[in-house]
Amino acid sequence: MTKDEALVEAIKTDWRTAKLDARERAMLEYAEMITKDATKVSPATLDGLRTHGFDDTAILQVATIAAWFNYINRMADALGVGRPG
């Protein structure tokens, strides 16, 4: 979607180093929280997203996409997809 290769590389390496706006950072912090420990999501977390312009539908979309990627990656790992041998 972007032709900014430096941005793409920064996001792939560590999204915190990428030139992102506050809204994008809030979204990625939420996705990371879902990935590392979804039980840490609180009403304050969701309110924080709302202050950055995310409505409930957008929050659901971010959560769904993050959860789906986590699921797919764990399934691939569990089945040895992409590992040699």
PDB file of N, CA and C in Angstrom:
ATOM      1  N   MET A   1       0.818  -1.188   0.000  1.00  0.00           N
ATOM      2  CA  MET A   1       0.000   0.000   0.000  1.00  0.00           C
ATOM      3  C   MET A   1       0.865   1.257   0.000  1.00  0.00           C
ATOM      4  N   THR A   2       2.035   1.161   0.556  1.00  0.00           N
ATOM      5  CA  THR A   2       2.927   2.320   0.554  1.00  0.00           C
ATOM      6  C   THR A   2       4.140   2.006  -0.304  1.00  0.00           C
ATOM      7  N   LYS A   3       4.671   3.002  -0.889  1.00  0.00           N
ATOM      8  CA  LYS A   3       5.893   2.831  -1.677  1.00  0.00           C
ATOM      9  C   LYS A   3       7.108   3.313  -0.886  1.00  0.00           C
ATOM     10  N   ASP A   4       6.900   3.588   0.394  1.00  0.00           N
ATOM     11  CA  ASP A   4       7.957   4.054   1.275  1.00  0.00           C
ATOM     12  C   ASP A   4       8.667   2.843   1.876  1.00  0.00           C
ATOM     13  N   GLU A   5       9.739   2.419   1.222  1.00  0.00           N
ATOM     14  CA  GLU A   5      10.454   1.214   1.658  1.00  0.00           C
ATOM     15  C   GLU A   5      11.055   1.369   3.051  1.00  0.00           C
ATOM     16  N   ALA A   6      11.479   2.561   3.411  1.00  0.00           N
ATOM     17  CA  ALA A   6      12.034   2.785   4.752  1.00  0.00           C
ATOM     18  C   ALA A   6      10.962   2.567   5.815  1.00  0.00           C
ATOM     19  N   LEU A   7       9.755   3.026   5.544  1.00  0.00           N
ATOM     20  CA  LEU A   7       8.646   2.819   6.477  1.00  0.00           C
ATOM     21  C   LEU A   7       8.340   1.335   6.612  1.00  0.00           C
ATOM     22  N   VAL A   8       8.272   0.640   5.502  1.00  0.00           N
ATOM     23  CA  VAL A   8       7.988  -0.797   5.513  1.00  0.00           C
ATOM     24  C   VAL A   8       9.054  -1.535   6.334  1.00  0.00           C
ATOM     25  N   GLU A   9      10.311  -1.209   6.103  1.00  0.00           N
ATOM     26  CA  GLU A   9      11.404  -1.875   6.820  1.00  0.00           C
ATOM     27  C   GLU A   9      11.350  -1.567   8.309  1.00  0.00           C
ATOM     28  N   ALA A  10      11.059  -0.318   8.658  1.00  0.00           N
ATOM     29  CA  ALA A  10      10.964   0.053  10.080  1.00  0.00           C
ATOM     30  C   ALA A  10       9.829  -0.696  10.755  1.00  0.00           C
ATOM     31  N   ILE A  11       8.698  -0.829  10.083  1.00  0.00           N
ATOM     32  CA  ILE A  11       7.561  -1.552  10.669  1.00  0.00           C
ATOM     33  C   ILE A  11       7.915  -3.033  10.829  1.00  0.00           C
ATOM     34  N   LYS A  12       8.565  -3.606   9.833  1.00  0.00           N
ATOM     35  CA  LYS A  12       8.945  -5.020   9.912  1.00  0.00           C
ATOM     36  C   LYS A  12       9.963  -5.269  11.020  1.00  0.00           C
ATOM     37  N   THR A  13      10.891  -4.354  11.201  1.00  0.00           N
ATOM     38  CA  THR A  13      11.959  -4.515  12.183  1.00  0.00           C
ATOM     39  C   THR A  13      11.469  -4.225  13.593  1.00  0.00           C
ATOM     40  N   ASP A  14      10.891  -3.041  13.775  1.00  0.00           N
ATOM     41  CA  ASP A  14      10.334  -2.628  15.067  1.00  0.00           C
ATOM     42  C   ASP A  14       9.441  -1.429  14.803  1.00  0.00           C
ATOM     43  N   TRP A  15       8.154  -1.643  14.859  1.00  0.00           N
ATOM     44  CA  TRP A  15       7.209  -0.589  14.491  1.00  0.00           C
ATOM     45  C   TRP A  15       7.406   0.686  15.286  1.00  0.00           C
ATOM     46  N   ARG A  16       8.007   0.577  16.475  1.00  0.00           N
ATOM     47  CA  ARG A  16       8.224   1.764  17.307  1.00  0.00           C
ATOM     48  C   ARG A  16       9.203   2.752  16.675  1.00  0.00           C
ATOM     49  N   THR A  17      10.036   2.275  15.752  1.00  0.00           N
ATOM     50  CA  THR A  17      11.019   3.145  15.093  1.00  0.00           C
ATOM     51  C   THR A  17      10.450   3.793  13.833  1.00  0.00           C
ATOM     52  N   ALA A  18       9.266   3.394  13.425  1.00  0.00           N
ATOM     53  CA  ALA A  18       8.667   3.903  12.190  1.00  0.00           C
ATOM     54  C   ALA A  18       8.055   5.286  12.402  1.00  0.00           C
ATOM     55  N   LYS A  19       8.039   6.056  11.345  1.00  0.00           N
ATOM     56  CA  LYS A  19       7.407   7.377  11.380  1.00  0.00           C
ATOM     57  C   LYS A  19       5.903   7.194  11.229  1.00  0.00           C
ATOM     58  N   LEU A  20       5.245   7.053  12.374  1.00  0.00           N
ATOM     59  CA  LEU A  20       3.801   6.822  12.420  1.00  0.00           C
ATOM     60  C   LEU A  20       3.141   7.918  13.243  1.00  0.00           C
ATOM     61  N   ASP A  21       1.883   8.186  12.949  1.00  0.00           N
ATOM     62  CA  ASP A  21       1.171   9.166  13.761  1.00  0.00           C
ATOM     63  C   ASP A  21       0.626   8.493  15.022  1.00  0.00           C
ATOM     64  N   ALA A  22       0.079   9.307  15.919  1.00  0.00           N
ATOM     65  CA  ALA A  22      -0.400   8.805  17.216  1.00  0.00           C
ATOM     66  C   ALA A  22      -1.493   7.758  17.050  1.00  0.00           C
ATOM     67  N   ARG A  23      -2.363   7.937  16.061  1.00  0.00           N
ATOM     68  CA  ARG A  23      -3.454   6.985  15.828  1.00  0.00           C
ATOM     69  C   ARG A  23      -2.896   5.623  15.407  1.00  0.00           C
ATOM     70  N   GLU A  24      -1.927   5.638  14.491  1.00  0.00           N
ATOM     71  CA  GLU A  24      -1.323   4.383  14.037  1.00  0.00           C
ATOM     72  C   GLU A  24      -0.582   3.694  15.180  1.00  0.00           C
ATOM     73  N   ARG A  25       0.098   4.475  15.998  1.00  0.00           N
ATOM     74  CA  ARG A  25       0.809   3.892  17.149  1.00  0.00           C
ATOM     75  C   ARG A  25      -0.160   3.264  18.143  1.00  0.00           C
ATOM     76  N   ALA A  26      -1.280   3.933  18.392  1.00  0.00           N
ATOM     77  CA  ALA A  26      -2.288   3.385  19.310  1.00  0.00           C
ATOM     78  C   ALA A  26      -2.809   2.055  18.777  1.00  0.00           C
ATOM     79  N   MET A  27      -3.057   1.981  17.483  1.00  0.00           N
ATOM     80  CA  MET A  27      -3.545   0.750  16.878  1.00  0.00           C
ATOM     81  C   MET A  27      -2.519  -0.380  17.025  1.00  0.00           C
ATOM     82  N   LEU A  28      -1.255  -0.069  16.762  1.00  0.00           N
ATOM     83  CA  LEU A  28      -0.228  -1.105  16.852  1.00  0.00           C
ATOM     84  C   LEU A  28       0.042  -1.519  18.288  1.00  0.00           C
ATOM     85  N   GLU A  29      -0.053  -0.591  19.230  1.00  0.00           N
ATOM     86  CA  GLU A  29       0.074  -0.954  20.647  1.00  0.00           C
ATOM     87  C   GLU A  29      -1.038  -1.922  21.048  1.00  0.00           C
ATOM     88  N   TYR A  30      -2.233  -1.663  20.570  1.00  0.00           N
ATOM     89  CA  TYR A  30      -3.373  -2.543  20.850  1.00  0.00           C
ATOM     90  C   TYR A  30      -3.157  -3.920  20.227  1.00  0.00           C
ATOM     91  N   ALA A  31      -2.732  -3.953  18.973  1.00  0.00           N
ATOM     92  CA  ALA A  31      -2.472  -5.236  18.309  1.00  0.00           C
ATOM     93  C   ALA A  31      -1.377  -6.005  19.040  1.00  0.00           C
ATOM     94  N   GLU A  32      -0.350  -5.302  19.493  1.00  0.00           N
ATOM     95  CA  GLU A  32       0.721  -5.963  20.238  1.00  0.00           C
ATOM     96  C   GLU A  32       0.207  -6.502  21.570  1.00  0.00           C
ATOM     97  N   MET A  33      -0.657  -5.733  22.232  1.00  0.00           N
ATOM     98  CA  MET A  33      -1.230  -6.177  23.500  1.00  0.00           C
ATOM     99  C   MET A  33      -2.051  -7.450  23.298  1.00  0.00           C
ATOM    100  N   ILE A  34      -2.835  -7.480  22.227  1.00  0.00           N
ATOM    101  CA  ILE A  34      -3.628  -8.677  21.907  1.00  0.00           C
ATOM    102  C   ILE A  34      -2.701  -9.869  21.683  1.00  0.00           C
ATOM    103  N   THR A  35      -1.598  -9.631  21.013  1.00  0.00           N
ATOM    104  CA  THR A  35      -0.654 -10.694  20.686  1.00  0.00           C
ATOM    105  C   THR A  35       0.069 -11.227  21.920  1.00  0.00           C
ATOM    106  N   LYS A  36       0.525 -10.322  22.769  1.00  0.00           N
ATOM    107  CA  LYS A  36       1.317 -10.737  23.926  1.00  0.00           C
ATOM    108  C   LYS A  36       0.473 -11.249  25.081  1.00  0.00           C
ATOM    109  N   ASP A  37      -0.622 -10.561  25.392  1.00  0.00           N
ATOM    110  CA  ASP A  37      -1.480 -10.971  26.503  1.00  0.00           C
ATOM    111  C   ASP A  37      -2.808 -10.223  26.414  1.00  0.00           C
ATOM    112  N   ALA A  38      -3.752 -10.794  25.717  1.00  0.00           N
ATOM    113  CA  ALA A  38      -5.041 -10.143  25.485  1.00  0.00           C
ATOM    114  C   ALA A  38      -5.814  -9.886  26.776  1.00  0.00           C
ATOM    115  N   THR A  39      -5.457 -10.583  27.854  1.00  0.00           N
ATOM    116  CA  THR A  39      -6.162 -10.353  29.116  1.00  0.00           C
ATOM    117  C   THR A  39      -5.833  -8.988  29.707  1.00  0.00           C
ATOM    118  N   LYS A  40      -4.809  -8.323  29.189  1.00  0.00           N
ATOM    119  CA  LYS A  40      -4.440  -6.993  29.677  1.00  0.00           C
ATOM    120  C   LYS A  40      -5.273  -5.886  29.044  1.00  0.00           C
ATOM    121  N   VAL A  41      -6.064  -6.225  28.032  1.00  0.00           N
ATOM    122  CA  VAL A  41      -6.954  -5.224  27.432  1.00  0.00           C
ATOM    123  C   VAL A  41      -8.005  -4.856  28.470  1.00  0.00           C
ATOM    124  N   SER A  42      -8.159  -3.563  28.703  1.00  0.00           N
ATOM    125  CA  SER A  42      -9.100  -3.075  29.717  1.00  0.00           C
ATOM    126  C   SER A  42     -10.028  -2.040  29.093  1.00  0.00           C
ATOM    127  N   PRO A  43     -11.047  -1.643  29.820  1.00  0.00           N
ATOM    128  CA  PRO A  43     -11.881  -0.548  29.321  1.00  0.00           C
ATOM    129  C   PRO A  43     -11.049   0.707  29.012  1.00  0.00           C
ATOM    130  N   ALA A  44     -10.013   0.957  29.811  1.00  0.00           N
ATOM    131  CA  ALA A  44      -9.148   2.117  29.561  1.00  0.00           C
ATOM    132  C   ALA A  44      -8.403   1.975  28.234  1.00  0.00           C
ATOM    133  N   THR A  45      -8.000   0.748  27.895  1.00  0.00           N
ATOM    134  CA  THR A  45      -7.346   0.493  26.614  1.00  0.00           C
ATOM    135  C   THR A  45      -8.273   0.887  25.471  1.00  0.00           C
ATOM    136  N   LEU A  46      -9.510   0.435  25.554  1.00  0.00           N
ATOM    137  CA  LEU A  46     -10.485   0.719  24.502  1.00  0.00           C
ATOM    138  C   LEU A  46     -10.833   2.196  24.464  1.00  0.00           C
ATOM    139  N   ASP A  47     -10.943   2.826  25.620  1.00  0.00           N
ATOM    140  CA  ASP A  47     -11.195   4.265  25.660  1.00  0.00           C
ATOM    141  C   ASP A  47     -10.053   5.033  25.016  1.00  0.00           C
ATOM    142  N   GLY A  48      -8.830   4.566  25.231  1.00  0.00           N
ATOM    143  CA  GLY A  48      -7.673   5.198  24.600  1.00  0.00           C
ATOM    144  C   GLY A  48      -7.750   5.132  23.087  1.00  0.00           C
ATOM    145  N   LEU A  49      -8.186   3.988  22.573  1.00  0.00           N
ATOM    146  CA  LEU A  49      -8.365   3.870  21.122  1.00  0.00           C
ATOM    147  C   LEU A  49      -9.441   4.835  20.629  1.00  0.00           C
ATOM    148  N   ARG A  50     -10.487   4.950  21.383  1.00  0.00           N
ATOM    149  CA  ARG A  50     -11.579   5.865  21.001  1.00  0.00           C
ATOM    150  C   ARG A  50     -11.096   7.319  20.951  1.00  0.00           C
ATOM    151  N   THR A  51     -10.188   7.692  21.858  1.00  0.00           N
ATOM    152  CA  THR A  51      -9.670   9.065  21.838  1.00  0.00           C
ATOM    153  C   THR A  51      -8.837   9.328  20.586  1.00  0.00           C
ATOM    154  N   HIS A  52      -8.372   8.252  19.951  1.00  0.00           N
ATOM    155  CA  HIS A  52      -7.614   8.378  18.705  1.00  0.00           C
ATOM    156  C   HIS A  52      -8.509   8.214  17.477  1.00  0.00           C
ATOM    157  N   GLY A  53      -9.810   8.196  17.690  1.00  0.00           N
ATOM    158  CA  GLY A  53     -10.732   8.181  16.561  1.00  0.00           C
ATOM    159  C   GLY A  53     -11.244   6.822  16.145  1.00  0.00           C
ATOM    160  N   PHE A  54     -10.950   5.788  16.907  1.00  0.00           N
ATOM    161  CA  PHE A  54     -11.461   4.449  16.591  1.00  0.00           C
ATOM    162  C   PHE A  54     -12.844   4.284  17.203  1.00  0.00           C
ATOM    163  N   ASP A  55     -13.810   3.917  16.376  1.00  0.00           N
ATOM    164  CA  ASP A  55     -15.124   3.588  16.927  1.00  0.00           C
ATOM    165  C   ASP A  55     -15.151   2.089  17.219  1.00  0.00           C
ATOM    166  N   ASP A  56     -16.259   1.603  17.744  1.00  0.00           N
ATOM    167  CA  ASP A  56     -16.325   0.195  18.141  1.00  0.00           C
ATOM    168  C   ASP A  56     -16.125  -0.747  16.959  1.00  0.00           C
ATOM    169  N   THR A  57     -16.610  -0.372  15.786  1.00  0.00           N
ATOM    170  CA  THR A  57     -16.420  -1.209  14.597  1.00  0.00           C
ATOM    171  C   THR A  57     -14.939  -1.290  14.233  1.00  0.00           C
ATOM    172  N   ALA A  58     -14.241  -0.165  14.274  1.00  0.00           N
ATOM    173  CA  ALA A  58     -12.814  -0.160  13.952  1.00  0.00           C
ATOM    174  C   ALA A  58     -12.020  -0.963  14.975  1.00  0.00           C
ATOM    175  N   ILE A  59     -12.379  -0.831  16.245  1.00  0.00           N
ATOM    176  CA  ILE A  59     -11.697  -1.611  17.291  1.00  0.00           C
ATOM    177  C   ILE A  59     -11.914  -3.102  17.053  1.00  0.00           C
ATOM    178  N   LEU A  60     -13.130  -3.483  16.715  1.00  0.00           N
ATOM    179  CA  LEU A  60     -13.422  -4.880  16.396  1.00  0.00           C
ATOM    180  C   LEU A  60     -12.592  -5.353  15.210  1.00  0.00           C
ATOM    181  N   GLN A  61     -12.455  -4.515  14.205  1.00  0.00           N
ATOM    182  CA  GLN A  61     -11.670  -4.894  13.026  1.00  0.00           C
ATOM    183  C   GLN A  61     -10.202  -5.097  13.380  1.00  0.00           C
ATOM    184  N   VAL A  62      -9.628  -4.197  14.163  1.00  0.00           N
ATOM    185  CA  VAL A  62      -8.230  -4.351  14.576  1.00  0.00           C
ATOM    186  C   VAL A  62      -8.062  -5.634  15.391  1.00  0.00           C
ATOM    187  N   ALA A  63      -8.958  -5.858  16.341  1.00  0.00           N
ATOM    188  CA  ALA A  63      -8.879  -7.060  17.177  1.00  0.00           C
ATOM    189  C   ALA A  63      -9.018  -8.330  16.339  1.00  0.00           C
ATOM    190  N   THR A  64      -9.942  -8.323  15.404  1.00  0.00           N
ATOM    191  CA  THR A  64     -10.169  -9.502  14.558  1.00  0.00           C
ATOM    192  C   THR A  64      -8.947  -9.801  13.706  1.00  0.00           C
ATOM    193  N   ILE A  65      -8.384  -8.785  13.095  1.00  0.00           N
ATOM    194  CA  ILE A  65      -7.217  -8.994  12.230  1.00  0.00           C
ATOM    195  C   ILE A  65      -6.021  -9.466  13.053  1.00  0.00           C
ATOM    196  N   ALA A  66      -5.771  -8.831  14.192  1.00  0.00           N
ATOM    197  CA  ALA A  66      -4.648  -9.243  15.040  1.00  0.00           C
ATOM    198  C   ALA A  66      -4.832 -10.682  15.521  1.00  0.00           C
ATOM    199  N   ALA A  67      -6.035 -11.000  15.987  1.00  0.00           N
ATOM    200  CA  ALA A  67      -6.304 -12.362  16.480  1.00  0.00           C
ATOM    201  C   ALA A  67      -6.172 -13.386  15.357  1.00  0.00           C
ATOM    202  N   TRP A  68      -6.639 -13.040  14.171  1.00  0.00           N
ATOM    203  CA  TRP A  68      -6.563 -13.977  13.038  1.00  0.00           C
ATOM    204  C   TRP A  68      -5.110 -14.250  12.670  1.00  0.00           C
ATOM    205  N   PHE A  69      -4.292 -13.205  12.590  1.00  0.00           N
ATOM    206  CA  PHE A  69      -2.878 -13.403  12.272  1.00  0.00           C
ATOM    207  C   PHE A  69      -2.190 -14.237  13.352  1.00  0.00           C
ATOM    208  N   ASN A  70      -2.520 -13.986  14.612  1.00  0.00           N
ATOM    209  CA  ASN A  70      -1.947 -14.785  15.695  1.00  0.00           C
ATOM    210  C   ASN A  70      -2.341 -16.248  15.547  1.00  0.00           C
ATOM    211  N   TYR A  71      -3.601 -16.495  15.253  1.00  0.00           N
ATOM    212  CA  TYR A  71      -4.101 -17.863  15.071  1.00  0.00           C
ATOM    213  C   TYR A  71      -3.373 -18.553  13.915  1.00  0.00           C
ATOM    214  N   ILE A  72      -3.327 -17.895  12.773  1.00  0.00           N
ATOM    215  CA  ILE A  72      -2.709 -18.497  11.590  1.00  0.00           C
ATOM    216  C   ILE A  72      -1.230 -18.791  11.834  1.00  0.00           C
ATOM    217  N   ASN A  73      -0.526 -17.858  12.454  1.00  0.00           N
ATOM    218  CA  ASN A  73       0.892 -18.081  12.726  1.00  0.00           C
ATOM    219  C   ASN A  73       1.104 -19.223  13.708  1.00  0.00           C
ATOM    220  N   ARG A  74       0.264 -19.331  14.717  1.00  0.00           N
ATOM    221  CA  ARG A  74       0.408 -20.424  15.678  1.00  0.00           C
ATOM    222  C   ARG A  74       0.077 -21.776  15.037  1.00  0.00           C
ATOM    223  N   MET A  75      -0.929 -21.793  14.186  1.00  0.00           N
ATOM    224  CA  MET A  75      -1.252 -23.033  13.463  1.00  0.00           C
ATOM    225  C   MET A  75      -0.092 -23.438  12.566  1.00  0.00           C
ATOM    226  N   ALA A  76       0.459 -22.492  11.836  1.00  0.00           N
ATOM    227  CA  ALA A  76       1.597 -22.794  10.965  1.00  0.00           C
ATOM    228  C   ALA A  76       2.775 -23.314  11.784  1.00  0.00           C
ATOM    229  N   ASP A  77       3.050 -22.673  12.911  1.00  0.00           N
ATOM    230  CA  ASP A  77       4.134 -23.147  13.783  1.00  0.00           C
ATOM    231  C   ASP A  77       3.848 -24.551  14.295  1.00  0.00           C
ATOM    232  N   ALA A  78       2.616 -24.787  14.720  1.00  0.00           N
ATOM    233  CA  ALA A  78       2.243 -26.095  15.268  1.00  0.00           C
ATOM    234  C   ALA A  78       2.351 -27.209  14.240  1.00  0.00           C
ATOM    235  N   LEU A  79       2.164 -26.866  12.988  1.00  0.00           N
ATOM    236  CA  LEU A  79       2.221 -27.855  11.914  1.00  0.00           C
ATOM    237  C   LEU A  79       3.568 -27.907  11.213  1.00  0.00           C
ATOM    238  N   GLY A  80       4.498 -27.079  11.666  1.00  0.00           N
ATOM    239  CA  GLY A  80       5.829 -27.068  11.086  1.00  0.00           C
ATOM    240  C   GLY A  80       5.912 -26.424   9.720  1.00  0.00           C
ATOM    241  N   VAL A  81       4.944 -25.621   9.366  1.00  0.00           N
ATOM    242  CA  VAL A  81       4.951 -24.960   8.066  1.00  0.00           C
ATOM    243  C   VAL A  81       6.144 -24.014   7.981  1.00  0.00           C
ATOM    244  N   GLY A  82       6.907 -24.142   6.918  1.00  0.00           N
ATOM    245  CA  GLY A  82       8.042 -23.257   6.687  1.00  0.00           C
ATOM    246  C   GLY A  82       9.332 -23.679   7.357  1.00  0.00           C
ATOM    247  N   ARG A  83       9.284 -24.740   8.142  1.00  0.00           N
ATOM    248  CA  ARG A  83      10.509 -25.221   8.780  1.00  0.00           C
ATOM    249  C   ARG A  83      11.155 -26.276   7.888  1.00  0.00           C
ATOM    250  N   PRO A  84      12.460 -26.276   7.826  1.00  0.00           N
ATOM    251  CA  PRO A  84      13.137 -27.305   7.033  1.00  0.00           C
ATOM    252  C   PRO A  84      12.930 -28.694   7.642  1.00  0.00           C
ATOM    253  N   GLY A  85      12.927 -29.650   6.780  1.00  0.00           N
ATOM    254  CA  GLY A  85      12.914 -31.030   7.219  1.00  0.00           C
ATOM    255  C   GLY A  85      11.608 -31.572   7.454  1.00  0.00           C
TER     256      GLY A  85
END
